[in-house]
Structure formats: C-alpha cells, structure tokens
C-alpha cells in the first residue's frame, strides 16, 4: 500500500486524514526522529514526506540517494520561520501553522497522485456550470471554507505563495505594499461580496501585496487549484472574469491620473465617495477606517487629508463624530470631483 510518512515529535491531527475518502489509498506512518525517518527511507519509498519540526528538513537525508530526491516534501512551519525556509527541490511545499485540515488536505492532494474512487467518477462527471462571476460567488459561498479575522490581522503576505482566493462576507479588508521607508501604501479596499486574491492563472502564484483586516471580518476561502479547474471547464466564466479585470485596470488608471493631477480636495472627495453606498444606509454607523488609511488611498499626507475633511465639514457636506464620517450631501460631493 502506498504511504505518506509524517515526521514530528508527537502524533498530529494529520492522522485524521486517514479517514478521508480521497486519501484512503494511503497509509500514514509516523516517525519521531530523523534517525527513524532515515531507517524508514532505507526500506521504503513513500509518496510524500511531511516534516513537522521547528528546524528545516536536513538535506543530508537525500545526499547520494537519487531515488529519494524526487519524493515530494511538505513542511509544516510557523509563520515566523518562513523567511528562513528554503525548498529542497521543486516538489517541496509548505503549510503555515496553525492550519486547517482542509488546507492540509488540499496541499497533500497537490503533491501526491490521487486515484478517483468509483463513486467519485460519476460525481466528477457532473461538473458545476459556472457561467459568470455572480454564479462563481454563489458557488464559493456554498463550497468555500468560512474563515474569520479580528481587526488588523494579516491574511496573506507579499512575496509568499498564494493558495486561495477569498470572497468577503462581512467586514472590511485592505491590500497594501511597503515602500523603502517602511510606509504602508494601500493598493485596494475590499468589502462584502468582493473577490480578493485574483493574481493570475499560473501554478505557484506569488502574492504581489499583503492583505489584512481593517475591522473584524469574515470570508469564504476557496482553493486556487479548484478555482483554476472551474475556469478551465467554464469558458464563459473566463470571459466574464477577463472583463472584470479589464474594468479594474481602467479604474486604476483613472485613479493614477487623479493622484497625479487632481487637487487635494478632489482626492479626498473621491476617496470618501468610494464608500457612498455604505454611508447612505440608515443603520450604518459611519466610516470607521483610520485617517491614515484613507489618506493612503487618496495618495496624500494624513495632515492634508484631515484639512480637507475639515473643509468639507464646514460646507455641511459631511459630518464627523470622533473617528466616524458620514456623508450628508453626496450630490455636492460629486460636484467637487
């Protein structure tokens, strides 16, 4: 029977995956030490090695062992150790701790061959029909994994591998980059029913920016591999997605022109109007994004942004109570831009 060997100091939740119908054809073997792992590799060749220790997997176990050098590897590492992690070969991936069993199963499936079960063949022949982005969002709500974050929590980091796309369910998320001086430059704001993490269609995608929660938020997380399969099987979805990305590029071009040539007051008004639909809701308690974040979106300094807010408040266009902002006259605000 094919096996997956797991090396850790103590038995982990990974053995719950033995009950998974997808991984039933694999036996899970536990080794506690590097010596145990070496001894096991002498007698057997596993389909996958899962390394769950605080140190990187030593390359010495593969030295002069040509057959072992092609074995897929999966390292389970804490986020703080990611900067020191380096792949041993091109089939070496990682999962950040803490992880969900769904995420772990998805990673294992990407590294080992899975034979379809008899009952799965019929099921997989009924591929979901996803004709457009609206249908895609409904599908992600049904099939995605619910995730939640407290305020100011990192969702994914710049220059790290991307494994999921996200559909925002509640709250407010932002994407940003850091400049050479360590200043945060916001590249996007994401609200309910918006997709986050669409960075391309290649394998082993790298995130070009960092994402975090502005307030307590929830979303549905959907494996990128499954997303690619949906695109391959639904050409109309691909066309609809291409149109969405085209519209996004055109919108960003307009924003770049405004940031370069518009007045400070116009930049401030444009930024506030991005949240006009939310601010008009009777049960909405005001825009709670920090002045620093809003200024970064507008491409101006926080001091200039605050002065513009004061000007709009004097004109009776907006109301400010503490950190909250409400639009009183959206038509007047629209005239400014």
Foldseek 3Di string as FASTA:
>chain_A
DAEEEEEAQDDDPLVVCCPPPQCVVYDYHYDHDPVSVLVVVVPDAHQEYEYEDADADDPVSCPPPVVNQPRAYEYEYAPVCPVVDDAPDPRYYYDHPPDDSVVVVVNVPVRGPTDDDPVVVVVVVPDDAQQAVVSVLVVLVVPFDKDKDAAFAWPDAAFAWDFWKKAWAAAKKWKWDADPVRDTATDDIDGHRDMGDCDDQDPRDGHHTIMTGNHITMITIDTSVVVNVNCVVHVSHVVNVVVVVVVVVVVVVVLVVCLVDNDLLLLLLVLVVVCQVQLPDPPRPADQGALCNSCSSSNHHSVSNVVSVVVCVVVVQWDDDPRGIHGDNNPVSVVSD
